[in-house]
Amino acid sequence: MGTFSAQFLIGNSHPYSGGIIPNYRIYLSENSRPALVLKKENEDLSLKTWVPTLESTLEDALLMISAYVLQDEEILAGFEGLLEKKDYIELYEDLKVVKINNLYNINKKVIKKYDNLKVIISIFEDSLIRSQIPVLKDYQVELEVCVPVYSALFSPMEKEMKFRGSLEGENK
């Protein structure tokens, strides 16, 4: 496992005060190759690990939610038994590109029927999925996307802190 560059909280929204009541979480690990690691909330053991596609990692995470958290029958049928056979899936090797794209299209239709689902995505600096955020417009799911408004990160190359953004806050 490499460095975590994003976290997904999956659960239900509170009916009166926003936020989330999390049941699961997915971590995006990066370095030599990315991995999506699904865990049940309050448990440390990984349930499932996927090596996602590089160009659609964000959609792969949403597919993982529909398959394992929601256990949607139409999504599960699209995997043709693969999910029951393996805990570690490499999407490039285990599925053909046509099949993956078909599953994305099915997921865009089925995920919206789960009206109690909420996903909060925290995307850290330089995450692979930062450029993929616009695809979320195609998914009708209650969600929040959190990106850094400020960061202070040490640069080992320059041996100094690098600052991005502002701590001034928003005027409402």
N, C-alpha and C. Protein backbone atom coordinates (compact mmCIF):
# COMPACT_ATOMS: atom_id res chain seq x y z
N MET A 1 0.84 -1.18 0.00
CA MET A 1 0.00 0.00 0.00
C MET A 1 0.88 1.24 0.00
N GLY A 2 0.39 2.24 -0.68
CA GLY A 2 1.12 3.49 -0.74
C GLY A 2 0.46 4.54 0.13
N THR A 3 0.58 5.74 -0.33
CA THR A 3 0.01 6.89 0.37
C THR A 3 -1.47 7.01 0.05
N PHE A 4 -2.28 7.30 1.05
CA PHE A 4 -3.70 7.54 0.80
C PHE A 4 -3.88 8.94 0.24
N SER A 5 -4.63 9.05 -0.85
CA SER A 5 -4.84 10.35 -1.49
C SER A 5 -6.31 10.75 -1.56
N ALA A 6 -7.20 9.89 -1.08
CA ALA A 6 -8.62 10.22 -1.01
C ALA A 6 -9.30 9.25 -0.05
N GLN A 7 -10.42 9.72 0.50
CA GLN A 7 -11.22 8.88 1.39
C GLN A 7 -12.68 9.08 1.05
N PHE A 8 -13.42 8.00 1.00
CA PHE A 8 -14.86 8.03 0.77
C PHE A 8 -15.55 7.55 2.04
N LEU A 9 -16.48 8.32 2.55
CA LEU A 9 -17.35 7.86 3.63
C LEU A 9 -18.68 7.50 2.99
N ILE A 10 -19.18 6.32 3.29
CA ILE A 10 -20.42 5.83 2.69
C ILE A 10 -21.40 5.52 3.81
N GLY A 11 -22.59 6.07 3.70
CA GLY A 11 -23.59 5.81 4.74
C GLY A 11 -24.89 6.50 4.41
N ASN A 12 -25.50 7.01 5.46
CA ASN A 12 -26.80 7.66 5.34
C ASN A 12 -26.69 9.08 5.87
N SER A 13 -27.44 9.98 5.27
CA SER A 13 -27.44 11.35 5.78
C SER A 13 -28.39 11.43 6.96
N HIS A 14 -28.09 12.33 7.85
CA HIS A 14 -28.97 12.58 8.98
C HIS A 14 -30.15 13.39 8.45
N PRO A 15 -31.37 13.01 8.77
CA PRO A 15 -32.53 13.68 8.16
C PRO A 15 -32.69 15.15 8.54
N TYR A 16 -32.10 15.59 9.64
CA TYR A 16 -32.35 16.96 10.09
C TYR A 16 -31.11 17.83 10.17
N SER A 17 -29.92 17.22 10.27
CA SER A 17 -28.76 18.07 10.50
C SER A 17 -27.61 17.85 9.54
N GLY A 18 -27.85 17.26 8.39
CA GLY A 18 -26.77 17.06 7.43
C GLY A 18 -25.74 16.08 7.92
N GLY A 19 -24.53 16.20 7.41
CA GLY A 19 -23.48 15.26 7.80
C GLY A 19 -23.75 13.87 7.28
N ILE A 20 -23.16 12.89 7.92
CA ILE A 20 -23.29 11.50 7.48
C ILE A 20 -23.22 10.57 8.68
N ILE A 21 -23.95 9.48 8.60
CA ILE A 21 -23.84 8.38 9.55
C ILE A 21 -23.12 7.28 8.76
N PRO A 22 -21.79 7.17 8.91
CA PRO A 22 -21.03 6.28 8.04
C PRO A 22 -21.17 4.81 8.43
N ASN A 23 -21.22 3.97 7.39
CA ASN A 23 -21.24 2.52 7.57
C ASN A 23 -19.99 1.86 6.97
N TYR A 24 -19.47 2.48 5.91
CA TYR A 24 -18.30 1.96 5.21
C TYR A 24 -17.38 3.12 4.86
N ARG A 25 -16.14 2.76 4.49
CA ARG A 25 -15.22 3.76 3.97
C ARG A 25 -14.35 3.09 2.90
N ILE A 26 -13.95 3.90 1.95
CA ILE A 26 -13.02 3.45 0.91
C ILE A 26 -11.84 4.41 0.93
N TYR A 27 -10.65 3.85 0.89
CA TYR A 27 -9.44 4.64 0.78
C TYR A 27 -8.86 4.44 -0.62
N LEU A 28 -8.40 5.54 -1.21
CA LEU A 28 -7.65 5.44 -2.45
C LEU A 28 -6.18 5.52 -2.07
N SER A 29 -5.47 4.43 -2.33
CA SER A 29 -4.04 4.36 -2.08
C SER A 29 -3.32 4.56 -3.40
N GLU A 30 -2.26 5.36 -3.38
CA GLU A 30 -1.50 5.59 -4.61
C GLU A 30 -0.02 5.35 -4.33
N ASN A 31 0.72 5.21 -5.31
CA ASN A 31 2.17 5.10 -5.42
C ASN A 31 2.45 4.30 -6.66
N SER A 32 3.03 3.11 -6.57
CA SER A 32 3.37 2.37 -7.78
C SER A 32 2.12 2.00 -8.60
N ARG A 33 1.03 1.69 -7.93
CA ARG A 33 -0.25 1.46 -8.61
C ARG A 33 -1.36 1.76 -7.62
N PRO A 34 -2.43 2.36 -8.10
CA PRO A 34 -3.50 2.73 -7.18
C PRO A 34 -4.29 1.50 -6.70
N ALA A 35 -4.94 1.67 -5.56
CA ALA A 35 -5.82 0.63 -5.04
C ALA A 35 -6.97 1.30 -4.31
N LEU A 36 -8.15 0.74 -4.47
CA LEU A 36 -9.33 1.15 -3.70
C LEU A 36 -9.53 0.09 -2.63
N VAL A 37 -9.52 0.51 -1.38
CA VAL A 37 -9.61 -0.42 -0.25
C VAL A 37 -10.91 -0.14 0.51
N LEU A 38 -11.81 -1.11 0.50
CA LEU A 38 -13.11 -0.98 1.18
C LEU A 38 -13.01 -1.57 2.57
N LYS A 39 -13.48 -0.80 3.56
CA LYS A 39 -13.52 -1.26 4.94
C LYS A 39 -14.88 -0.93 5.54
N LYS A 40 -15.32 -1.78 6.44
CA LYS A 40 -16.54 -1.50 7.20
C LYS A 40 -16.17 -0.53 8.32
N GLU A 41 -17.04 0.42 8.59
CA GLU A 41 -16.78 1.40 9.64
C GLU A 41 -16.55 0.70 10.97
N ASN A 42 -15.62 1.18 11.74
CA ASN A 42 -15.24 0.63 13.05
C ASN A 42 -14.57 -0.74 12.99
N GLU A 43 -14.09 -1.11 11.80
CA GLU A 43 -13.31 -2.34 11.66
C GLU A 43 -12.06 -2.00 10.87
N ASP A 44 -10.95 -2.61 11.22
CA ASP A 44 -9.69 -2.31 10.55
C ASP A 44 -9.38 -3.22 9.37
N LEU A 45 -9.97 -4.40 9.34
CA LEU A 45 -9.67 -5.33 8.26
C LEU A 45 -10.30 -4.86 6.95
N SER A 46 -9.55 -5.02 5.87
CA SER A 46 -10.08 -4.68 4.55
C SER A 46 -11.08 -5.74 4.12
N LEU A 47 -12.20 -5.29 3.57
CA LEU A 47 -13.18 -6.23 3.03
C LEU A 47 -12.82 -6.64 1.62
N LYS A 48 -12.53 -5.64 0.79
CA LYS A 48 -12.21 -5.88 -0.62
C LYS A 48 -11.18 -4.86 -1.07
N THR A 49 -10.38 -5.25 -2.05
CA THR A 49 -9.41 -4.34 -2.66
C THR A 49 -9.52 -4.46 -4.17
N TRP A 50 -9.60 -3.32 -4.82
CA TRP A 50 -9.61 -3.26 -6.28
C TRP A 50 -8.43 -2.44 -6.75
N VAL A 51 -7.81 -2.88 -7.84
CA VAL A 51 -6.88 -2.03 -8.58
C VAL A 51 -7.73 -1.37 -9.66
N PRO A 52 -7.97 -0.06 -9.53
CA PRO A 52 -8.90 0.61 -10.43
C PRO A 52 -8.27 0.95 -11.78
N THR A 53 -9.13 1.40 -12.69
CA THR A 53 -8.64 1.96 -13.94
C THR A 53 -8.10 3.35 -13.63
N LEU A 54 -7.06 3.77 -14.30
CA LEU A 54 -6.46 5.08 -14.03
C LEU A 54 -7.36 6.22 -14.49
N GLU A 55 -8.02 6.03 -15.61
CA GLU A 55 -8.82 7.12 -16.17
C GLU A 55 -10.19 7.26 -15.52
N SER A 56 -10.67 6.27 -14.79
CA SER A 56 -12.01 6.31 -14.20
C SER A 56 -12.03 5.80 -12.77
N THR A 57 -11.01 6.12 -12.01
CA THR A 57 -10.90 5.64 -10.63
C THR A 57 -12.10 6.07 -9.78
N LEU A 58 -12.57 7.28 -9.98
CA LEU A 58 -13.71 7.79 -9.22
C LEU A 58 -14.96 6.96 -9.52
N GLU A 59 -15.19 6.65 -10.79
CA GLU A 59 -16.33 5.81 -11.15
C GLU A 59 -16.15 4.38 -10.64
N ASP A 60 -14.91 3.91 -10.59
CA ASP A 60 -14.66 2.58 -10.04
C ASP A 60 -15.06 2.52 -8.57
N ALA A 61 -14.78 3.60 -7.82
CA ALA A 61 -15.17 3.65 -6.41
C ALA A 61 -16.69 3.62 -6.27
N LEU A 62 -17.40 4.35 -7.13
CA LEU A 62 -18.87 4.34 -7.08
C LEU A 62 -19.41 2.96 -7.45
N LEU A 63 -18.75 2.29 -8.36
CA LEU A 63 -19.12 0.93 -8.73
C LEU A 63 -18.90 -0.03 -7.56
N MET A 64 -17.82 0.17 -6.86
CA MET A 64 -17.51 -0.64 -5.67
C MET A 64 -18.60 -0.46 -4.61
N ILE A 65 -19.07 0.76 -4.45
CA ILE A 65 -20.15 1.04 -3.50
C ILE A 65 -21.42 0.30 -3.90
N SER A 66 -21.78 0.37 -5.17
CA SER A 66 -23.00 -0.30 -5.63
C SER A 66 -22.90 -1.81 -5.52
N ALA A 67 -21.71 -2.35 -5.74
CA ALA A 67 -21.53 -3.80 -5.69
C ALA A 67 -21.51 -4.35 -4.27
N TYR A 68 -20.71 -3.74 -3.40
CA TYR A 68 -20.49 -4.33 -2.07
C TYR A 68 -21.34 -3.71 -0.97
N VAL A 69 -21.55 -2.40 -1.02
CA VAL A 69 -22.32 -1.75 0.04
C VAL A 69 -23.81 -1.88 -0.23
N LEU A 70 -24.22 -1.50 -1.44
CA LEU A 70 -25.64 -1.57 -1.79
C LEU A 70 -26.05 -2.96 -2.23
N GLN A 71 -25.10 -3.75 -2.69
CA GLN A 71 -25.34 -5.09 -3.23
C GLN A 71 -26.48 -5.08 -4.25
N ASP A 72 -26.39 -4.11 -5.16
CA ASP A 72 -27.40 -3.97 -6.19
C ASP A 72 -27.37 -5.17 -7.14
N GLU A 73 -28.52 -5.78 -7.34
CA GLU A 73 -28.61 -7.01 -8.13
C GLU A 73 -28.19 -6.82 -9.58
N GLU A 74 -28.55 -5.68 -10.17
CA GLU A 74 -28.19 -5.44 -11.56
C GLU A 74 -26.67 -5.27 -11.73
N ILE A 75 -26.05 -4.58 -10.79
CA ILE A 75 -24.59 -4.43 -10.83
C ILE A 75 -23.91 -5.77 -10.59
N LEU A 76 -24.38 -6.52 -9.60
CA LEU A 76 -23.78 -7.83 -9.31
C LEU A 76 -23.90 -8.77 -10.51
N ALA A 77 -25.03 -8.73 -11.19
CA ALA A 77 -25.22 -9.57 -12.38
C ALA A 77 -24.23 -9.18 -13.48
N GLY A 78 -23.91 -7.89 -13.58
CA GLY A 78 -22.96 -7.42 -14.59
C GLY A 78 -21.55 -7.94 -14.36
N PHE A 79 -21.22 -8.29 -13.13
CA PHE A 79 -19.90 -8.84 -12.83
C PHE A 79 -19.83 -10.35 -13.06
N GLU A 80 -20.96 -10.96 -13.34
CA GLU A 80 -21.04 -12.38 -13.71
C GLU A 80 -20.29 -13.30 -12.75
N GLY A 81 -20.49 -13.12 -11.44
CA GLY A 81 -19.90 -14.01 -10.44
C GLY A 81 -18.47 -13.71 -10.04
N LEU A 82 -17.83 -12.75 -10.70
CA LEU A 82 -16.43 -12.43 -10.40
C LEU A 82 -16.24 -11.99 -8.95
N LEU A 83 -17.17 -11.23 -8.41
CA LEU A 83 -17.02 -10.68 -7.06
C LEU A 83 -17.06 -11.75 -5.98
N GLU A 84 -17.76 -12.83 -6.24
CA GLU A 84 -17.82 -13.93 -5.28
C GLU A 84 -16.54 -14.76 -5.30
N LYS A 85 -15.84 -14.73 -6.43
CA LYS A 85 -14.65 -15.57 -6.59
C LYS A 85 -13.38 -14.91 -6.04
N LYS A 86 -13.33 -13.57 -6.03
CA LYS A 86 -12.08 -12.89 -5.70
C LYS A 86 -12.32 -11.73 -4.74
N ASP A 87 -11.41 -11.57 -3.78
CA ASP A 87 -11.43 -10.41 -2.88
C ASP A 87 -10.56 -9.28 -3.42
N TYR A 88 -9.64 -9.63 -4.31
CA TYR A 88 -8.70 -8.67 -4.88
C TYR A 88 -8.93 -8.68 -6.39
N ILE A 89 -9.41 -7.56 -6.90
CA ILE A 89 -9.78 -7.48 -8.31
C ILE A 89 -8.95 -6.41 -9.01
N GLU A 90 -8.38 -6.77 -10.15
CA GLU A 90 -7.68 -5.82 -11.00
C GLU A 90 -8.59 -5.55 -12.19
N LEU A 91 -9.22 -4.38 -12.20
CA LEU A 91 -10.24 -4.10 -13.20
C LEU A 91 -9.73 -4.21 -14.63
N TYR A 92 -8.49 -3.78 -14.90
CA TYR A 92 -7.95 -3.89 -16.25
C TYR A 92 -7.83 -5.35 -16.70
N GLU A 93 -7.46 -6.22 -15.77
CA GLU A 93 -7.24 -7.62 -16.13
C GLU A 93 -8.48 -8.49 -16.00
N ASP A 94 -9.31 -8.21 -15.02
CA ASP A 94 -10.44 -9.07 -14.74
C ASP A 94 -11.69 -8.74 -15.56
N LEU A 95 -11.76 -7.53 -16.09
CA LEU A 95 -12.91 -7.12 -16.90
C LEU A 95 -12.42 -6.47 -18.18
N LYS A 96 -13.17 -6.67 -19.24
CA LYS A 96 -12.85 -5.99 -20.50
C LYS A 96 -13.34 -4.54 -20.42
N VAL A 97 -12.71 -3.64 -21.16
CA VAL A 97 -13.06 -2.22 -21.14
C VAL A 97 -14.52 -2.01 -21.50
N VAL A 98 -15.03 -2.77 -22.46
CA VAL A 98 -16.44 -2.64 -22.86
C VAL A 98 -17.35 -2.98 -21.69
N LYS A 99 -17.02 -4.03 -20.96
CA LYS A 99 -17.82 -4.44 -19.81
C LYS A 99 -17.77 -3.39 -18.70
N ILE A 100 -16.60 -2.83 -18.45
CA ILE A 100 -16.47 -1.79 -17.42
C ILE A 100 -17.33 -0.58 -17.78
N ASN A 101 -17.24 -0.13 -19.04
CA ASN A 101 -18.03 1.02 -19.47
C ASN A 101 -19.53 0.74 -19.37
N ASN A 102 -19.92 -0.48 -19.68
CA ASN A 102 -21.33 -0.87 -19.54
C ASN A 102 -21.76 -0.82 -18.07
N LEU A 103 -20.89 -1.28 -17.17
CA LEU A 103 -21.19 -1.23 -15.74
C LEU A 103 -21.30 0.21 -15.24
N TYR A 104 -20.46 1.11 -15.75
CA TYR A 104 -20.58 2.53 -15.37
C TYR A 104 -21.95 3.07 -15.77
N ASN A 105 -22.38 2.75 -17.00
CA ASN A 105 -23.68 3.23 -17.47
C ASN A 105 -24.83 2.66 -16.66
N ILE A 106 -24.75 1.40 -16.32
CA ILE A 106 -25.78 0.79 -15.47
C ILE A 106 -25.77 1.46 -14.10
N ASN A 107 -24.58 1.71 -13.56
CA ASN A 107 -24.48 2.30 -12.23
C ASN A 107 -25.08 3.70 -12.18
N LYS A 108 -24.93 4.47 -13.24
CA LYS A 108 -25.52 5.81 -13.28
C LYS A 108 -27.04 5.74 -13.14
N LYS A 109 -27.64 4.66 -13.62
CA LYS A 109 -29.10 4.49 -13.54
C LYS A 109 -29.54 3.91 -12.20
N VAL A 110 -28.79 2.93 -11.69
CA VAL A 110 -29.27 2.23 -10.49
C VAL A 110 -28.95 2.95 -9.19
N ILE A 111 -27.85 3.68 -9.14
CA ILE A 111 -27.44 4.28 -7.86
C ILE A 111 -28.45 5.31 -7.37
N LYS A 112 -29.17 5.93 -8.31
CA LYS A 112 -30.12 6.98 -7.91
C LYS A 112 -31.35 6.42 -7.20
N LYS A 113 -31.59 5.12 -7.28
CA LYS A 113 -32.76 4.56 -6.59
C LYS A 113 -32.53 4.36 -5.09
N TYR A 114 -31.29 4.56 -4.65
CA TYR A 114 -30.97 4.42 -3.22
C TYR A 114 -30.99 5.80 -2.59
N ASP A 115 -32.19 6.28 -2.27
CA ASP A 115 -32.35 7.66 -1.82
C ASP A 115 -31.83 7.91 -0.41
N ASN A 116 -31.48 6.87 0.32
CA ASN A 116 -30.93 7.05 1.66
C ASN A 116 -29.40 7.02 1.67
N LEU A 117 -28.80 6.83 0.49
CA LEU A 117 -27.34 6.75 0.37
C LEU A 117 -26.74 8.14 0.36
N LYS A 118 -25.64 8.30 1.10
CA LYS A 118 -24.86 9.53 1.04
C LYS A 118 -23.39 9.15 0.97
N VAL A 119 -22.64 9.88 0.14
CA VAL A 119 -21.21 9.65 -0.02
C VAL A 119 -20.50 10.98 0.19
N ILE A 120 -19.49 10.97 1.04
CA ILE A 120 -18.64 12.14 1.22
C ILE A 120 -17.25 11.75 0.75
N ILE A 121 -16.73 12.52 -0.21
CA ILE A 121 -15.42 12.22 -0.80
C ILE A 121 -14.45 13.31 -0.40
N SER A 122 -13.42 12.93 0.33
CA SER A 122 -12.34 13.86 0.69
C SER A 122 -11.17 13.58 -0.24
N ILE A 123 -10.82 14.59 -1.04
CA ILE A 123 -9.76 14.43 -2.04
C ILE A 123 -8.57 15.27 -1.59
N PHE A 124 -7.46 14.60 -1.36
CA PHE A 124 -6.27 15.27 -0.84
C PHE A 124 -5.44 15.87 -1.99
N GLU A 125 -4.44 16.66 -1.62
CA GLU A 125 -3.56 17.30 -2.61
C GLU A 125 -2.99 16.26 -3.58
N ASP A 126 -3.00 16.60 -4.84
CA ASP A 126 -2.39 15.81 -5.92
C ASP A 126 -2.98 14.41 -6.09
N SER A 127 -4.21 14.20 -5.65
CA SER A 127 -4.86 12.90 -5.82
C SER A 127 -5.17 12.63 -7.29
N LEU A 128 -5.07 11.39 -7.65
CA LEU A 128 -5.41 10.92 -8.99
C LEU A 128 -6.82 11.34 -9.40
N ILE A 129 -7.76 11.34 -8.47
CA ILE A 129 -9.16 11.59 -8.83
C ILE A 129 -9.54 13.06 -8.87
N ARG A 130 -8.62 13.94 -8.56
CA ARG A 130 -8.94 15.38 -8.55
C ARG A 130 -9.49 15.83 -9.90
N SER A 131 -8.89 15.38 -10.98
CA SER A 131 -9.33 15.78 -12.32
C SER A 131 -10.60 15.05 -12.77
N GLN A 132 -11.03 14.04 -12.03
CA GLN A 132 -12.19 13.25 -12.41
C GLN A 132 -13.49 13.73 -11.77
N ILE A 133 -13.42 14.75 -10.92
CA ILE A 133 -14.59 15.25 -10.19
C ILE A 133 -15.80 15.55 -11.10
N PRO A 134 -15.62 16.14 -12.28
CA PRO A 134 -16.80 16.47 -13.11
C PRO A 134 -17.70 15.28 -13.45
N VAL A 135 -17.17 14.06 -13.45
CA VAL A 135 -17.99 12.89 -13.78
C VAL A 135 -19.12 12.69 -12.76
N LEU A 136 -18.98 13.26 -11.57
CA LEU A 136 -20.00 13.11 -10.53
C LEU A 136 -21.33 13.74 -10.93
N LYS A 137 -21.31 14.66 -11.89
CA LYS A 137 -22.55 15.26 -12.39
C LYS A 137 -23.47 14.22 -13.02
N ASP A 138 -22.88 13.12 -13.49
CA ASP A 138 -23.65 12.06 -14.15
C ASP A 138 -24.32 11.10 -13.16
N TYR A 139 -24.01 11.25 -11.88
CA TYR A 139 -24.54 10.36 -10.85
C TYR A 139 -25.48 11.13 -9.94
N GLN A 140 -26.71 10.66 -9.84
CA GLN A 140 -27.68 11.31 -8.97
C GLN A 140 -27.66 10.62 -7.61
N VAL A 141 -26.73 11.08 -6.79
CA VAL A 141 -26.57 10.53 -5.45
C VAL A 141 -26.26 11.69 -4.52
N GLU A 142 -26.75 11.61 -3.30
CA GLU A 142 -26.44 12.66 -2.33
C GLU A 142 -24.96 12.56 -1.99
N LEU A 143 -24.23 13.66 -2.21
CA LEU A 143 -22.80 13.60 -1.94
C LEU A 143 -22.23 14.97 -1.61
N GLU A 144 -21.07 14.92 -1.00
CA GLU A 144 -20.27 16.11 -0.73
C GLU A 144 -18.85 15.79 -1.21
N VAL A 145 -18.22 16.76 -1.84
CA VAL A 145 -16.84 16.62 -2.28
C VAL A 145 -16.01 17.64 -1.52
N CYS A 146 -15.03 17.16 -0.80
CA CYS A 146 -14.17 18.02 0.02
C CYS A 146 -12.77 18.04 -0.59
N VAL A 147 -12.31 19.25 -0.91
CA VAL A 147 -10.95 19.42 -1.43
C VAL A 147 -10.23 20.44 -0.55
N PRO A 148 -8.92 20.39 -0.49
CA PRO A 148 -8.21 21.32 0.38
C PRO A 148 -8.42 22.78 -0.01
N VAL A 149 -8.69 23.61 0.99
CA VAL A 149 -8.73 25.06 0.77
C VAL A 149 -7.40 25.66 1.21
N TYR A 150 -6.66 24.90 2.00
CA TYR A 150 -5.36 25.35 2.47
C TYR A 150 -4.50 24.12 2.76
N SER A 151 -3.23 24.22 2.42
CA SER A 151 -2.30 23.15 2.78
C SER A 151 -0.92 23.75 3.05
N ALA A 152 -0.25 23.16 4.00
CA ALA A 152 1.14 23.48 4.32
C ALA A 152 1.89 22.15 4.26
N LEU A 153 2.66 21.96 3.20
CA LEU A 153 3.31 20.68 2.97
C LEU A 153 4.82 20.88 2.84
N PHE A 154 5.57 19.99 3.45
CA PHE A 154 7.03 20.06 3.39
C PHE A 154 7.50 19.51 2.04
N SER A 155 8.37 20.24 1.36
CA SER A 155 8.97 19.81 0.11
C SER A 155 10.36 19.23 0.40
N PRO A 156 10.53 17.92 0.28
CA PRO A 156 11.84 17.33 0.55
C PRO A 156 12.91 17.81 -0.43
N MET A 157 12.50 18.11 -1.67
CA MET A 157 13.45 18.57 -2.68
C MET A 157 14.00 19.95 -2.33
N GLU A 158 13.09 20.83 -1.89
CA GLU A 158 13.50 22.21 -1.59
C GLU A 158 13.77 22.43 -0.10
N LYS A 159 13.50 21.41 0.71
CA LYS A 159 13.74 21.44 2.15
C LYS A 159 13.07 22.65 2.83
N GLU A 160 11.80 22.87 2.42
CA GLU A 160 11.04 23.96 3.03
C GLU A 160 9.55 23.67 2.90
N MET A 161 8.78 24.40 3.67
CA MET A 161 7.32 24.27 3.63
C MET A 161 6.78 25.01 2.41
N LYS A 162 5.79 24.41 1.77
CA LYS A 162 5.09 25.03 0.65
C LYS A 162 3.64 25.26 1.08
N PHE A 163 3.14 26.44 0.84
CA PHE A 163 1.79 26.80 1.27
C PHE A 163 0.91 27.04 0.06
N ARG A 164 -0.31 26.51 0.12
CA ARG A 164 -1.30 26.71 -0.94
C ARG A 164 -2.61 27.11 -0.30
N GLY A 165 -3.34 28.00 -0.95
CA GLY A 165 -4.67 28.37 -0.47
C GLY A 165 -4.64 29.43 0.59
N SER A 166 -5.76 29.51 1.33
CA SER A 166 -5.92 30.56 2.33
C SER A 166 -6.71 30.02 3.53
N LEU A 167 -6.41 30.57 4.67
CA LEU A 167 -7.15 30.26 5.90
C LEU A 167 -8.13 31.38 6.26
N GLU A 168 -8.36 32.28 5.36
CA GLU A 168 -9.23 33.43 5.63
C GLU A 168 -10.70 33.04 5.79
N GLY A 169 -11.13 31.96 5.20
CA GLY A 169 -12.53 31.56 5.30
C GLY A 169 -13.41 32.32 4.33
N GLU A 170 -14.66 31.91 4.28
CA GLU A 170 -15.62 32.52 3.37
C GLU A 170 -16.46 33.55 4.09
N ASN A 171 -16.79 34.60 3.39
CA ASN A 171 -17.75 35.59 3.90
C ASN A 171 -19.13 35.18 3.40
N LYS A 172 -20.02 34.93 4.33
CA LYS A 172 -21.38 34.51 3.92
C LYS A 172 -22.35 35.63 4.04
